[in-house]
Amino acid sequence: MILDDGLDKQELKIQSDDKGKEGDVYVPLLDAFKWELERQNCLFGKDIPRLMVEYLLEEFDFYKVIGIDNKKITQIQSYNLRETLNRQEKKRKRSVEVSISTLQTMIVIMEYKPYSKNTFELYLDGG
């Protein structure tokens, strides 16, 4: 380990073990995030949850394949937000209809995870 800021290993250990980081760093940061999210939600209403989900999922629709080993099942979920999955071709008909995914429209709960000062939970309608 290279210490270039003049701290010795003992001082570095004390700083890394400091539990005050939650109150000094995480709580103010998460409170500011919550405040800004509430402000944006008041200004733009139903658009904010939709825009957040679109941002997190990026610009491409996709399939999610889940293997459930104990039941020996493979489950396929589609995330078809922009209607790009399973498009109809000119000469070939679709064998399966993939529904268009609906996006969230409402923030249900914004709060700290119980017994935690460094984890913030955000619940939207529809999951």
Protein backbone atom coordinates (compact mmCIF):
# COMPACT_ATOMS: atom_id res chain seq x y z
CA MET A 1 0.00 0.00 0.00
CA ILE A 2 1.39 3.41 -0.94
CA LEU A 3 0.55 6.30 1.34
CA ASP A 4 1.22 9.57 -0.42
CA ASP A 5 -0.88 11.92 1.71
CA GLY A 6 1.32 11.84 4.80
CA LEU A 7 -0.88 9.45 6.79
CA ASP A 8 0.68 6.46 8.45
CA LYS A 9 -1.03 3.06 8.47
CA GLN A 10 -2.47 3.55 11.99
CA GLU A 11 -4.13 6.86 11.06
CA LEU A 12 -5.45 5.34 7.83
CA LYS A 13 -6.97 2.40 9.74
CA ILE A 14 -8.70 4.74 12.19
CA GLN A 15 -10.16 6.79 9.34
CA SER A 16 -11.41 3.73 7.45
CA ASP A 17 -13.05 2.32 10.58
CA ASP A 18 -14.86 5.58 11.31
CA LYS A 19 -18.61 4.93 11.53
CA GLY A 20 -19.31 8.65 11.24
CA LYS A 21 -19.18 8.28 7.47
CA GLU A 22 -22.87 7.33 7.44
CA GLY A 23 -23.95 10.54 9.13
CA ASP A 24 -21.33 12.75 7.52
CA VAL A 25 -21.55 11.48 3.95
CA TYR A 26 -24.39 9.08 3.14
CA VAL A 27 -27.28 10.70 5.00
CA PRO A 28 -26.75 14.23 3.56
CA LEU A 29 -26.16 12.79 0.09
CA LEU A 30 -29.26 10.60 0.18
CA ASP A 31 -31.35 13.40 1.72
CA ALA A 32 -30.30 15.70 -1.15
CA PHE A 33 -31.15 12.98 -3.68
CA LYS A 34 -34.58 12.47 -2.07
CA TRP A 35 -35.24 16.22 -2.00
CA GLU A 36 -34.31 16.59 -5.68
CA LEU A 37 -36.39 13.58 -6.67
CA GLU A 38 -39.42 14.99 -4.81
CA ARG A 39 -38.89 18.38 -6.48
CA GLN A 40 -38.64 16.84 -9.96
CA ASN A 41 -41.69 14.69 -9.24
CA CYS A 42 -43.71 17.80 -8.30
CA LEU A 43 -42.59 19.61 -11.45
CA PHE A 44 -42.99 16.79 -13.97
CA GLY A 45 -45.35 14.33 -12.25
CA LYS A 46 -45.89 11.05 -14.06
CA ASP A 47 -42.93 11.57 -16.40
CA ILE A 48 -40.24 11.18 -13.71
CA PRO A 49 -40.80 7.47 -12.88
CA ARG A 50 -40.99 6.62 -16.59
CA LEU A 51 -37.84 8.58 -17.41
CA MET A 52 -35.94 6.98 -14.53
CA VAL A 53 -36.80 3.46 -15.68
CA GLU A 54 -35.97 4.30 -19.31
CA TYR A 55 -32.62 5.70 -18.18
CA LEU A 56 -31.79 2.60 -16.14
CA LEU A 57 -32.82 0.17 -18.89
CA GLU A 58 -31.13 2.25 -21.61
CA GLU A 59 -32.34 2.50 -25.18
CA PHE A 60 -32.72 -1.12 -26.28
CA ASP A 61 -35.53 -3.58 -25.59
CA PHE A 62 -34.35 -6.97 -24.39
CA TYR A 63 -35.23 -10.45 -23.22
CA LYS A 64 -34.20 -11.66 -19.78
CA VAL A 65 -33.60 -15.41 -19.43
CA ILE A 66 -33.90 -16.79 -15.89
CA GLY A 67 -32.94 -20.33 -14.97
CA ILE A 68 -34.71 -21.74 -11.92
CA ASP A 69 -32.47 -24.69 -11.10
CA ASN A 70 -34.45 -26.31 -8.28
CA LYS A 71 -37.56 -26.54 -10.52
CA LYS A 72 -35.60 -27.18 -13.74
CA ILE A 73 -37.42 -24.34 -15.47
CA THR A 74 -36.17 -21.61 -17.78
CA GLN A 75 -38.25 -18.45 -17.79
CA ILE A 76 -38.04 -15.76 -20.48
CA GLN A 77 -39.22 -12.24 -19.69
CA SER A 78 -39.50 -9.55 -22.33
CA TYR A 79 -38.89 -5.86 -21.76
CA ASN A 80 -40.51 -4.40 -24.85
CA LEU A 81 -40.68 -0.68 -24.02
CA ARG A 82 -40.16 0.64 -27.55
CA GLU A 83 -41.93 -2.09 -29.55
CA THR A 84 -38.73 -3.41 -31.14
CA LEU A 85 -39.02 -7.05 -30.01
CA ASN A 86 -40.63 -9.63 -32.29
CA ARG A 87 -41.53 -7.24 -35.08
CA GLN A 88 -43.76 -8.45 -37.88
CA GLU A 89 -41.89 -9.16 -41.12
CA LYS A 90 -43.31 -8.73 -44.60
CA LYS A 91 -43.12 -12.40 -45.60
CA ARG A 92 -43.18 -14.14 -42.25
CA LYS A 93 -45.83 -13.97 -39.57
CA ARG A 94 -44.99 -13.80 -35.86
CA SER A 95 -45.28 -17.06 -34.00
CA VAL A 96 -45.61 -15.39 -30.60
CA GLU A 97 -47.08 -12.04 -29.67
CA VAL A 98 -44.81 -10.03 -27.34
CA SER A 99 -46.77 -7.48 -25.38
CA ILE A 100 -45.58 -3.93 -24.92
CA SER A 101 -44.24 -3.32 -21.44
CA THR A 102 -45.90 -0.56 -19.46
CA LEU A 103 -43.77 1.92 -17.60
CA GLN A 104 -44.26 3.15 -14.08
CA THR A 105 -46.18 6.39 -13.55
CA MET A 106 -46.04 7.01 -9.80
CA ILE A 107 -43.54 7.02 -6.96
CA VAL A 108 -45.16 5.02 -4.16
CA ILE A 109 -42.52 5.12 -1.42
CA MET A 110 -39.19 6.93 -0.99
CA GLU A 111 -37.50 6.08 2.29
CA TYR A 112 -34.41 4.71 3.95
CA LYS A 113 -34.13 0.96 4.19
CA PRO A 114 -35.10 -0.08 7.74
CA TYR A 115 -32.15 -0.01 10.15
CA SER A 116 -29.88 1.55 7.52
CA LYS A 117 -28.47 5.02 7.00
CA ASN A 118 -26.69 4.28 3.73
CA THR A 119 -29.40 2.59 1.63
CA PHE A 120 -32.37 4.41 0.12
CA GLU A 121 -35.34 2.50 -1.31
CA LEU A 122 -37.58 3.77 -4.07
CA TYR A 123 -40.77 1.89 -4.93
CA LEU A 124 -42.74 2.64 -8.08
CA ASP A 125 -46.19 1.47 -9.11
CA GLY A 126 -46.09 -1.71 -11.13
CA GLY A 127 -42.92 -3.02 -9.53
